[in-house]
N, C-alpha and C. Protein backbone atom coordinates (compact mmCIF):
# COMPACT_ATOMS: atom_id res chain seq x y z
N MET A 1 -11.65 32.53 48.15
CA MET A 1 -12.80 31.72 47.77
C MET A 1 -13.88 32.66 47.25
N ASN A 2 -14.54 32.30 46.15
CA ASN A 2 -15.55 33.19 45.61
C ASN A 2 -16.80 33.16 46.48
N THR A 3 -17.65 34.16 46.30
CA THR A 3 -18.82 34.35 47.16
C THR A 3 -19.77 33.16 47.10
N ARG A 4 -20.06 32.67 45.91
CA ARG A 4 -20.99 31.55 45.80
C ARG A 4 -20.42 30.28 46.43
N ALA A 5 -19.15 30.04 46.22
CA ALA A 5 -18.52 28.86 46.82
C ALA A 5 -18.51 28.99 48.34
N ALA A 6 -18.26 30.21 48.85
CA ALA A 6 -18.28 30.43 50.30
C ALA A 6 -19.67 30.18 50.87
N ARG A 7 -20.71 30.64 50.16
CA ARG A 7 -22.09 30.41 50.63
C ARG A 7 -22.42 28.92 50.66
N LEU A 8 -21.99 28.19 49.62
CA LEU A 8 -22.24 26.76 49.57
C LEU A 8 -21.51 26.06 50.71
N LEU A 9 -20.26 26.42 50.94
CA LEU A 9 -19.49 25.82 52.02
C LEU A 9 -20.13 26.12 53.37
N THR A 10 -20.61 27.35 53.58
CA THR A 10 -21.27 27.72 54.82
C THR A 10 -22.54 26.91 55.02
N ALA A 11 -23.33 26.76 53.97
CA ALA A 11 -24.58 25.99 54.07
C ALA A 11 -24.29 24.52 54.37
N LEU A 12 -23.30 23.95 53.69
CA LEU A 12 -22.96 22.56 53.94
C LEU A 12 -22.42 22.38 55.36
N SER A 13 -21.61 23.33 55.84
CA SER A 13 -21.08 23.26 57.20
C SER A 13 -22.20 23.36 58.22
N ALA A 14 -23.13 24.28 58.02
CA ALA A 14 -24.26 24.44 58.94
C ALA A 14 -25.09 23.17 58.98
N SER A 15 -25.35 22.56 57.83
CA SER A 15 -26.12 21.33 57.78
C SER A 15 -25.42 20.22 58.54
N PHE A 16 -24.10 20.12 58.37
CA PHE A 16 -23.32 19.12 59.07
C PHE A 16 -23.39 19.33 60.58
N LEU A 17 -23.21 20.59 61.02
CA LEU A 17 -23.24 20.89 62.46
C LEU A 17 -24.61 20.61 63.06
N ILE A 18 -25.67 20.94 62.34
CA ILE A 18 -27.02 20.66 62.83
C ILE A 18 -27.20 19.15 63.00
N GLY A 19 -26.69 18.39 62.04
CA GLY A 19 -26.77 16.93 62.13
C GLY A 19 -26.00 16.40 63.32
N LEU A 20 -24.82 16.94 63.57
CA LEU A 20 -24.05 16.52 64.73
C LEU A 20 -24.78 16.86 66.03
N TYR A 21 -25.32 18.10 66.11
CA TYR A 21 -26.02 18.53 67.32
C TYR A 21 -27.24 17.65 67.57
N SER A 22 -28.01 17.40 66.51
CA SER A 22 -29.22 16.59 66.66
C SER A 22 -28.89 15.18 67.12
N SER A 23 -27.84 14.60 66.55
CA SER A 23 -27.45 13.24 66.92
C SER A 23 -26.98 13.17 68.36
N SER A 24 -26.22 14.19 68.80
CA SER A 24 -25.65 14.13 70.14
C SER A 24 -26.65 14.52 71.22
N THR A 25 -27.70 15.26 70.89
CA THR A 25 -28.67 15.71 71.89
C THR A 25 -29.95 14.89 71.87
N GLY A 26 -30.09 14.01 70.89
CA GLY A 26 -31.31 13.22 70.78
C GLY A 26 -32.46 14.01 70.17
N ALA A 27 -32.18 15.22 69.66
CA ALA A 27 -33.23 16.03 69.04
C ALA A 27 -33.68 15.35 67.75
N ALA A 28 -34.85 15.72 67.30
CA ALA A 28 -35.41 15.14 66.09
C ALA A 28 -34.49 15.41 64.90
N GLU A 29 -34.38 14.44 64.03
CA GLU A 29 -33.56 14.58 62.82
C GLU A 29 -34.22 15.59 61.89
N PRO A 30 -33.41 16.43 61.24
CA PRO A 30 -33.99 17.37 60.27
C PRO A 30 -34.56 16.62 59.07
N GLY A 31 -35.42 17.27 58.33
CA GLY A 31 -36.01 16.67 57.14
C GLY A 31 -34.94 16.41 56.09
N PRO A 32 -35.32 15.76 55.01
CA PRO A 32 -34.34 15.42 53.99
C PRO A 32 -33.76 16.68 53.35
N ALA A 33 -32.47 16.66 53.12
CA ALA A 33 -31.79 17.79 52.48
C ALA A 33 -31.96 17.68 50.97
N ALA A 34 -31.82 18.80 50.32
CA ALA A 34 -31.87 18.79 48.86
C ALA A 34 -30.70 17.96 48.34
N SER A 35 -30.96 17.18 47.31
CA SER A 35 -29.89 16.35 46.76
C SER A 35 -29.04 17.19 45.79
N LEU A 36 -27.81 16.75 45.61
CA LEU A 36 -26.92 17.40 44.67
C LEU A 36 -26.89 16.58 43.38
N ALA A 37 -26.92 17.27 42.28
CA ALA A 37 -26.80 16.63 40.98
C ALA A 37 -25.99 17.57 40.10
N ASN A 38 -25.55 17.07 38.97
CA ASN A 38 -24.82 17.94 38.05
C ASN A 38 -25.22 17.60 36.62
N ALA A 39 -24.96 18.56 35.75
CA ALA A 39 -25.24 18.38 34.33
C ALA A 39 -24.05 18.93 33.54
N PHE A 40 -23.62 18.19 32.53
CA PHE A 40 -22.51 18.64 31.69
C PHE A 40 -22.86 19.99 31.08
N ALA A 41 -21.95 20.95 31.19
CA ALA A 41 -22.17 22.29 30.63
C ALA A 41 -21.36 22.49 29.36
N PHE A 42 -20.05 22.28 29.45
CA PHE A 42 -19.20 22.40 28.25
C PHE A 42 -17.80 21.89 28.54
N GLU A 43 -17.08 21.67 27.46
CA GLU A 43 -15.68 21.26 27.54
C GLU A 43 -14.83 22.40 27.00
N ALA A 44 -13.70 22.66 27.64
CA ALA A 44 -12.80 23.73 27.20
C ALA A 44 -11.40 23.17 27.00
N HIS A 45 -10.74 23.67 25.98
CA HIS A 45 -9.34 23.35 25.69
C HIS A 45 -8.60 24.68 25.76
N VAL A 46 -7.93 24.92 26.87
CA VAL A 46 -7.28 26.20 27.16
C VAL A 46 -5.80 26.09 26.84
N THR A 47 -5.32 26.90 25.88
CA THR A 47 -3.90 26.86 25.54
C THR A 47 -3.13 27.76 26.49
N ILE A 48 -1.93 27.29 26.85
CA ILE A 48 -1.12 28.01 27.83
C ILE A 48 0.32 28.15 27.34
N ASP A 49 1.01 29.11 27.94
CA ASP A 49 2.43 29.32 27.66
C ASP A 49 3.23 28.79 28.85
N ALA A 50 4.55 28.85 28.75
CA ALA A 50 5.41 28.38 29.84
C ALA A 50 5.18 29.21 31.10
N PRO A 51 5.25 28.58 32.27
CA PRO A 51 5.06 29.31 33.52
C PRO A 51 6.15 30.37 33.73
N ILE A 52 5.75 31.47 34.33
CA ILE A 52 6.68 32.50 34.78
C ILE A 52 6.86 32.26 36.27
N VAL A 53 8.06 31.91 36.69
CA VAL A 53 8.31 31.61 38.10
C VAL A 53 8.62 32.90 38.83
N VAL A 54 7.82 33.21 39.84
CA VAL A 54 8.02 34.40 40.66
C VAL A 54 9.02 34.09 41.77
N GLY A 55 8.89 32.94 42.38
CA GLY A 55 9.78 32.53 43.47
C GLY A 55 8.98 32.09 44.67
N THR A 56 9.70 31.70 45.72
CA THR A 56 9.05 31.21 46.93
C THR A 56 8.71 32.36 47.86
N GLY A 57 7.46 32.39 48.27
CA GLY A 57 6.96 33.40 49.20
C GLY A 57 6.27 32.73 50.36
N PRO A 58 5.49 33.50 51.12
CA PRO A 58 4.84 32.95 52.31
C PRO A 58 3.89 31.78 52.03
N GLN A 59 3.28 31.75 50.85
CA GLN A 59 2.34 30.68 50.53
C GLN A 59 2.98 29.50 49.81
N GLY A 60 4.22 29.66 49.39
CA GLY A 60 4.90 28.60 48.66
C GLY A 60 5.49 29.14 47.38
N LEU A 61 5.84 28.23 46.47
CA LEU A 61 6.41 28.62 45.18
C LEU A 61 5.32 29.25 44.32
N ARG A 62 5.49 30.51 43.97
CA ARG A 62 4.49 31.26 43.19
C ARG A 62 4.91 31.29 41.73
N ARG A 63 3.94 31.06 40.85
CA ARG A 63 4.18 31.18 39.41
C ARG A 63 2.92 31.65 38.72
N ILE A 64 3.11 32.15 37.50
CA ILE A 64 2.00 32.65 36.68
C ILE A 64 2.07 31.93 35.34
N VAL A 65 0.94 31.35 34.93
CA VAL A 65 0.88 30.64 33.65
C VAL A 65 -0.01 31.46 32.71
N PRO A 66 0.58 32.06 31.66
CA PRO A 66 -0.22 32.84 30.71
C PRO A 66 -1.20 31.95 29.93
N ILE A 67 -2.42 32.44 29.77
CA ILE A 67 -3.44 31.77 28.96
C ILE A 67 -3.45 32.45 27.61
N THR A 68 -3.22 31.68 26.55
CA THR A 68 -3.02 32.26 25.22
C THR A 68 -4.19 32.07 24.27
N GLY A 69 -5.21 31.30 24.65
CA GLY A 69 -6.35 31.10 23.77
C GLY A 69 -7.01 29.77 24.03
N GLY A 70 -7.71 29.29 23.02
CA GLY A 70 -8.38 28.00 23.12
C GLY A 70 -9.78 28.03 22.55
N LYS A 71 -10.52 26.96 22.87
CA LYS A 71 -11.90 26.87 22.39
C LYS A 71 -12.72 26.13 23.44
N PHE A 72 -14.03 26.28 23.35
CA PHE A 72 -14.94 25.59 24.26
C PHE A 72 -16.23 25.28 23.52
N GLU A 73 -16.92 24.22 23.97
CA GLU A 73 -18.18 23.84 23.33
C GLU A 73 -18.98 22.94 24.26
N GLY A 74 -20.29 23.19 24.26
CA GLY A 74 -21.23 22.38 25.01
C GLY A 74 -22.60 22.50 24.39
N PRO A 75 -23.62 21.88 25.00
CA PRO A 75 -24.96 21.89 24.43
C PRO A 75 -25.58 23.28 24.29
N ARG A 76 -25.22 24.23 25.18
CA ARG A 76 -25.84 25.56 25.16
C ARG A 76 -24.87 26.70 24.91
N ILE A 77 -23.59 26.36 24.67
CA ILE A 77 -22.58 27.42 24.53
C ILE A 77 -21.40 26.90 23.71
N LYS A 78 -20.80 27.82 22.93
CA LYS A 78 -19.67 27.45 22.08
C LYS A 78 -18.90 28.72 21.76
N GLY A 79 -17.57 28.60 21.62
CA GLY A 79 -16.80 29.76 21.23
C GLY A 79 -15.30 29.57 21.42
N THR A 80 -14.61 30.71 21.60
CA THR A 80 -13.16 30.70 21.74
C THR A 80 -12.76 31.34 23.08
N ILE A 81 -11.55 31.00 23.50
CA ILE A 81 -10.96 31.60 24.70
C ILE A 81 -9.98 32.64 24.21
N LEU A 82 -10.09 33.85 24.74
CA LEU A 82 -9.26 34.95 24.29
C LEU A 82 -7.88 34.92 24.94
N ASN A 83 -6.90 35.40 24.23
CA ASN A 83 -5.55 35.58 24.74
C ASN A 83 -5.58 36.67 25.83
N GLY A 84 -4.74 36.51 26.84
CA GLY A 84 -4.62 37.59 27.82
C GLY A 84 -4.96 37.22 29.25
N GLY A 85 -5.50 36.04 29.48
CA GLY A 85 -5.76 35.61 30.84
C GLY A 85 -4.52 34.98 31.45
N ALA A 86 -4.65 34.56 32.70
CA ALA A 86 -3.53 33.88 33.36
C ALA A 86 -4.05 33.03 34.50
N ASP A 87 -3.21 32.10 34.89
CA ASP A 87 -3.46 31.23 36.04
C ASP A 87 -2.39 31.57 37.07
N TRP A 88 -2.83 32.19 38.18
CA TRP A 88 -1.91 32.54 39.27
C TRP A 88 -1.87 31.35 40.20
N GLN A 89 -0.70 30.75 40.33
CA GLN A 89 -0.57 29.50 41.06
C GLN A 89 0.45 29.62 42.19
N TYR A 90 0.31 28.74 43.16
CA TYR A 90 1.40 28.52 44.10
C TYR A 90 1.39 27.06 44.53
N VAL A 91 2.59 26.55 44.76
CA VAL A 91 2.75 25.19 45.24
C VAL A 91 2.91 25.27 46.75
N ARG A 92 1.96 24.70 47.47
CA ARG A 92 1.97 24.72 48.93
C ARG A 92 3.09 23.83 49.48
N GLY A 93 3.35 23.95 50.76
CA GLY A 93 4.36 23.14 51.41
C GLY A 93 4.09 21.65 51.34
N ASP A 94 2.81 21.27 51.23
CA ASP A 94 2.47 19.84 51.14
C ASP A 94 2.46 19.33 49.70
N GLY A 95 2.90 20.17 48.76
CA GLY A 95 2.99 19.75 47.37
C GLY A 95 1.75 19.98 46.53
N VAL A 96 0.67 20.47 47.15
CA VAL A 96 -0.57 20.73 46.41
C VAL A 96 -0.43 22.04 45.63
N LEU A 97 -0.81 22.00 44.36
CA LEU A 97 -0.81 23.19 43.52
C LEU A 97 -2.17 23.87 43.65
N GLN A 98 -2.20 25.10 44.15
CA GLN A 98 -3.43 25.91 44.23
C GLN A 98 -3.47 26.78 42.99
N ILE A 99 -4.62 26.83 42.35
CA ILE A 99 -4.74 27.66 41.14
C ILE A 99 -5.87 28.67 41.27
N GLU A 100 -5.70 29.77 40.59
CA GLU A 100 -6.76 30.76 40.40
C GLU A 100 -6.56 31.35 39.01
N ALA A 101 -7.34 30.84 38.07
CA ALA A 101 -7.24 31.27 36.68
C ALA A 101 -8.36 32.26 36.38
N LYS A 102 -7.99 33.34 35.70
CA LYS A 102 -8.97 34.33 35.24
C LYS A 102 -8.73 34.54 33.76
N TYR A 103 -9.81 34.33 32.99
CA TYR A 103 -9.69 34.51 31.55
C TYR A 103 -11.05 34.84 30.96
N THR A 104 -11.06 35.03 29.63
CA THR A 104 -12.26 35.53 28.96
C THR A 104 -12.68 34.59 27.83
N LEU A 105 -13.99 34.33 27.80
CA LEU A 105 -14.58 33.53 26.74
C LEU A 105 -15.29 34.47 25.76
N ARG A 106 -15.29 34.12 24.50
CA ARG A 106 -16.10 34.84 23.50
C ARG A 106 -16.94 33.79 22.80
N THR A 107 -18.26 33.90 22.95
CA THR A 107 -19.15 32.91 22.35
C THR A 107 -19.19 33.07 20.83
N SER A 108 -19.67 32.04 20.15
CA SER A 108 -19.74 32.07 18.69
C SER A 108 -20.65 33.17 18.17
N ASP A 109 -21.57 33.68 19.03
CA ASP A 109 -22.42 34.81 18.61
C ASP A 109 -21.93 36.14 19.19
N GLY A 110 -20.67 36.19 19.65
CA GLY A 110 -20.03 37.46 20.00
C GLY A 110 -20.19 37.96 21.42
N VAL A 111 -20.70 37.16 22.34
CA VAL A 111 -20.88 37.59 23.73
C VAL A 111 -19.59 37.29 24.51
N THR A 112 -19.13 38.28 25.28
CA THR A 112 -17.92 38.13 26.08
C THR A 112 -18.30 37.74 27.51
N ILE A 113 -17.63 36.72 28.04
CA ILE A 113 -17.93 36.18 29.36
C ILE A 113 -16.62 36.02 30.13
N MET A 114 -16.60 36.50 31.36
CA MET A 114 -15.43 36.33 32.23
C MET A 114 -15.58 35.04 33.03
N ILE A 115 -14.44 34.40 33.33
CA ILE A 115 -14.44 33.21 34.18
C ILE A 115 -13.33 33.35 35.21
N THR A 116 -13.65 32.98 36.43
CA THR A 116 -12.66 32.81 37.49
C THR A 116 -12.76 31.35 37.91
N ASN A 117 -11.66 30.64 37.78
CA ASN A 117 -11.65 29.21 38.01
C ASN A 117 -10.59 28.90 39.08
N ARG A 118 -11.05 28.42 40.23
CA ARG A 118 -10.14 28.11 41.35
C ARG A 118 -10.13 26.61 41.60
N GLY A 119 -8.97 26.08 41.97
CA GLY A 119 -8.91 24.66 42.25
C GLY A 119 -7.57 24.21 42.74
N MET A 120 -7.35 22.89 42.61
CA MET A 120 -6.10 22.31 43.07
C MET A 120 -5.74 21.08 42.26
N ARG A 121 -4.42 20.83 42.25
CA ARG A 121 -3.89 19.64 41.58
C ARG A 121 -2.84 19.01 42.49
N HIS A 122 -2.88 17.70 42.60
CA HIS A 122 -1.85 16.99 43.36
C HIS A 122 -1.82 15.54 42.93
N GLY A 123 -0.74 14.88 43.27
CA GLY A 123 -0.57 13.48 42.94
C GLY A 123 0.79 13.01 43.40
N PRO A 124 1.13 11.76 43.10
CA PRO A 124 2.45 11.25 43.45
C PRO A 124 3.56 12.11 42.83
N ALA A 125 4.67 12.26 43.55
CA ALA A 125 5.76 13.14 43.10
C ALA A 125 6.24 12.80 41.70
N ASP A 126 6.36 11.51 41.36
CA ASP A 126 6.85 11.15 40.04
C ASP A 126 5.86 11.56 38.94
N VAL A 127 4.58 11.49 39.23
CA VAL A 127 3.56 11.90 38.26
C VAL A 127 3.61 13.41 38.05
N ILE A 128 3.70 14.18 39.13
CA ILE A 128 3.78 15.64 39.03
C ILE A 128 5.05 16.05 38.29
N ASP A 129 6.16 15.35 38.53
CA ASP A 129 7.41 15.64 37.81
C ASP A 129 7.23 15.41 36.31
N ARG A 130 6.54 14.33 35.94
CA ARG A 130 6.29 14.06 34.52
C ARG A 130 5.42 15.14 33.89
N LEU A 131 4.40 15.61 34.62
CA LEU A 131 3.57 16.72 34.13
C LEU A 131 4.42 17.97 33.91
N ALA A 132 5.30 18.27 34.87
CA ALA A 132 6.15 19.45 34.79
C ALA A 132 7.08 19.39 33.57
N LYS A 133 7.46 18.20 33.17
CA LYS A 133 8.33 18.02 32.00
C LYS A 133 7.54 18.06 30.70
N GLY A 134 6.20 18.15 30.78
CA GLY A 134 5.37 18.20 29.58
C GLY A 134 5.02 16.84 29.04
N GLU A 135 5.27 15.78 29.81
CA GLU A 135 4.95 14.43 29.36
C GLU A 135 3.45 14.18 29.45
N ALA A 136 2.96 13.28 28.61
CA ALA A 136 1.55 12.88 28.66
C ALA A 136 1.36 11.96 29.87
N VAL A 137 0.39 12.29 30.71
CA VAL A 137 0.10 11.51 31.90
C VAL A 137 -1.40 11.25 31.95
N ASP A 138 -1.78 10.02 32.19
CA ASP A 138 -3.19 9.66 32.32
C ASP A 138 -3.79 10.47 33.48
N PRO A 139 -4.88 11.24 33.25
CA PRO A 139 -5.44 12.08 34.31
C PRO A 139 -5.97 11.30 35.52
N SER A 140 -6.14 9.99 35.38
CA SER A 140 -6.57 9.21 36.54
C SER A 140 -5.43 9.04 37.55
N GLN A 141 -4.21 9.41 37.18
CA GLN A 141 -3.06 9.27 38.07
C GLN A 141 -2.85 10.46 39.00
N TYR A 142 -3.64 11.52 38.82
CA TYR A 142 -3.52 12.69 39.68
C TYR A 142 -4.89 13.33 39.86
N TYR A 143 -5.01 14.15 40.88
CA TYR A 143 -6.26 14.85 41.19
C TYR A 143 -6.14 16.27 40.67
N PHE A 144 -7.10 16.71 39.85
CA PHE A 144 -7.12 18.08 39.33
C PHE A 144 -8.58 18.48 39.17
N ARG A 145 -9.08 19.29 40.09
CA ARG A 145 -10.48 19.72 40.11
C ARG A 145 -10.55 21.22 40.35
N THR A 146 -11.61 21.84 39.82
CA THR A 146 -11.79 23.28 39.99
C THR A 146 -13.26 23.62 40.25
N VAL A 147 -13.47 24.85 40.74
CA VAL A 147 -14.79 25.44 40.90
C VAL A 147 -14.77 26.75 40.13
N ALA A 148 -15.71 26.93 39.23
CA ALA A 148 -15.73 28.10 38.37
C ALA A 148 -16.91 29.02 38.67
N GLU A 149 -16.64 30.30 38.50
CA GLU A 149 -17.68 31.33 38.60
C GLU A 149 -17.61 32.16 37.32
N PHE A 150 -18.76 32.42 36.73
CA PHE A 150 -18.83 33.15 35.47
C PHE A 150 -19.47 34.51 35.66
N GLU A 151 -19.09 35.43 34.79
CA GLU A 151 -19.72 36.75 34.72
C GLU A 151 -20.15 36.97 33.28
N ALA A 152 -21.42 36.66 33.00
CA ALA A 152 -21.99 36.84 31.67
C ALA A 152 -22.93 38.04 31.71
N PRO A 153 -23.11 38.75 30.60
CA PRO A 153 -24.07 39.85 30.58
C PRO A 153 -25.45 39.36 31.02
N SER A 154 -26.07 40.09 31.93
CA SER A 154 -27.38 39.69 32.48
C SER A 154 -28.47 39.66 31.43
N ASP A 155 -28.32 40.45 30.38
CA ASP A 155 -29.35 40.50 29.34
C ASP A 155 -29.04 39.56 28.16
N SER A 156 -28.12 38.63 28.36
CA SER A 156 -27.76 37.71 27.28
C SER A 156 -28.38 36.33 27.52
N ARG A 157 -28.33 35.51 26.49
CA ARG A 157 -28.85 34.14 26.62
C ARG A 157 -27.94 33.27 27.48
N TYR A 158 -26.81 33.84 27.95
CA TYR A 158 -25.87 33.11 28.79
C TYR A 158 -25.96 33.51 30.26
N ALA A 159 -27.00 34.23 30.63
CA ALA A 159 -27.17 34.67 32.02
C ALA A 159 -27.29 33.48 32.98
N TRP A 160 -27.66 32.31 32.49
CA TRP A 160 -27.74 31.11 33.32
C TRP A 160 -26.40 30.79 33.97
N LEU A 161 -25.29 31.20 33.35
CA LEU A 161 -23.97 30.96 33.92
C LEU A 161 -23.76 31.72 35.23
N ASN A 162 -24.46 32.85 35.39
CA ASN A 162 -24.33 33.68 36.59
C ASN A 162 -25.06 33.09 37.80
N LYS A 163 -25.87 32.07 37.59
CA LYS A 163 -26.79 31.61 38.62
C LYS A 163 -26.50 30.21 39.14
N ALA A 164 -25.28 29.73 38.94
CA ALA A 164 -24.95 28.38 39.41
C ALA A 164 -23.46 28.28 39.68
N LEU A 165 -23.10 27.27 40.44
CA LEU A 165 -21.70 26.90 40.61
C LEU A 165 -21.37 25.85 39.57
N PHE A 166 -20.13 25.85 39.12
CA PHE A 166 -19.68 24.89 38.13
C PHE A 166 -18.44 24.19 38.65
N LEU A 167 -18.46 22.88 38.61
CA LEU A 167 -17.32 22.07 38.98
C LEU A 167 -16.68 21.56 37.71
N ALA A 168 -15.36 21.38 37.74
CA ALA A 168 -14.69 20.88 36.54
C ALA A 168 -13.65 19.84 36.90
N THR A 169 -13.52 18.88 36.01
CA THR A 169 -12.39 17.96 36.05
C THR A 169 -11.39 18.52 35.04
N ALA A 170 -10.11 18.37 35.34
CA ALA A 170 -9.09 18.96 34.47
C ALA A 170 -8.01 17.96 34.15
N GLU A 171 -7.39 18.17 33.01
CA GLU A 171 -6.29 17.34 32.53
C GLU A 171 -5.21 18.27 32.00
N ARG A 172 -4.00 18.13 32.51
CA ARG A 172 -2.88 18.98 32.11
C ARG A 172 -2.08 18.29 31.03
N GLN A 173 -1.87 18.99 29.92
CA GLN A 173 -0.97 18.54 28.87
C GLN A 173 0.14 19.59 28.74
N ALA A 174 1.09 19.38 27.86
CA ALA A 174 2.24 20.27 27.75
C ALA A 174 1.84 21.72 27.50
N THR A 175 0.93 21.97 26.56
CA THR A 175 0.56 23.35 26.22
C THR A 175 -0.94 23.60 26.27
N VAL A 176 -1.69 22.65 26.84
CA VAL A 176 -3.15 22.76 26.90
C VAL A 176 -3.64 22.20 28.23
N VAL A 177 -4.67 22.85 28.77
CA VAL A 177 -5.41 22.29 29.90
C VAL A 177 -6.81 22.00 29.39
N ASN A 178 -7.23 20.73 29.50
CA ASN A 178 -8.57 20.33 29.08
C ASN A 178 -9.46 20.27 30.31
N LEU A 179 -10.60 20.94 30.24
CA LEU A 179 -11.54 20.98 31.36
C LEU A 179 -12.92 20.56 30.90
N ARG A 180 -13.61 19.83 31.76
CA ARG A 180 -15.02 19.49 31.55
C ARG A 180 -15.82 20.10 32.68
N PHE A 181 -16.64 21.10 32.34
CA PHE A 181 -17.42 21.84 33.33
C PHE A 181 -18.80 21.21 33.51
N TYR A 182 -19.22 21.10 34.76
CA TYR A 182 -20.53 20.56 35.11
C TYR A 182 -21.26 21.57 35.99
N GLU A 183 -22.50 21.87 35.62
CA GLU A 183 -23.33 22.77 36.41
C GLU A 183 -23.85 22.01 37.62
N LEU A 184 -23.61 22.55 38.81
CA LEU A 184 -24.10 21.93 40.03
C LEU A 184 -25.56 22.31 40.19
N LYS A 185 -26.44 21.31 40.23
CA LYS A 185 -27.89 21.54 40.30
C LYS A 185 -28.36 21.51 41.73
């Protein structure tokens, strides 16, 4: 889990535990918590190659999906995805696909940005089988979500990416993964 996601999870867990303690002890309720909101950041179309199957290990079936390119665009950012990244995956015993994709963005004005995108995908067995065969499947039939962390140059106009968590909805196609990234406010 990345550092920012771990901090968010710790804060949410602490808030939950304080609420439980207060309710069970009759202590005064804490003040209102900050609300969560999100804003669309950009959409990405990530091209991929066939998975390289490593085999079954302690965490499940391990495979690597090469990232071969793509493009992205949003209100404040636009560019291409560079060849050379990969998605390191494993299928857990319960059928959930865990992903950790690392790849590189190049903005239209030449700035290079790293992304680490972690998440999971699962759904009914027949739907996952159809995805594995490269068939088109309505994304509402399966769950595919990620949390992204960016590394942009601090002196660039994209430094805002370094200061927030980003959630994404994802859609798997035969040779492309479509993602819509939202900045968590």
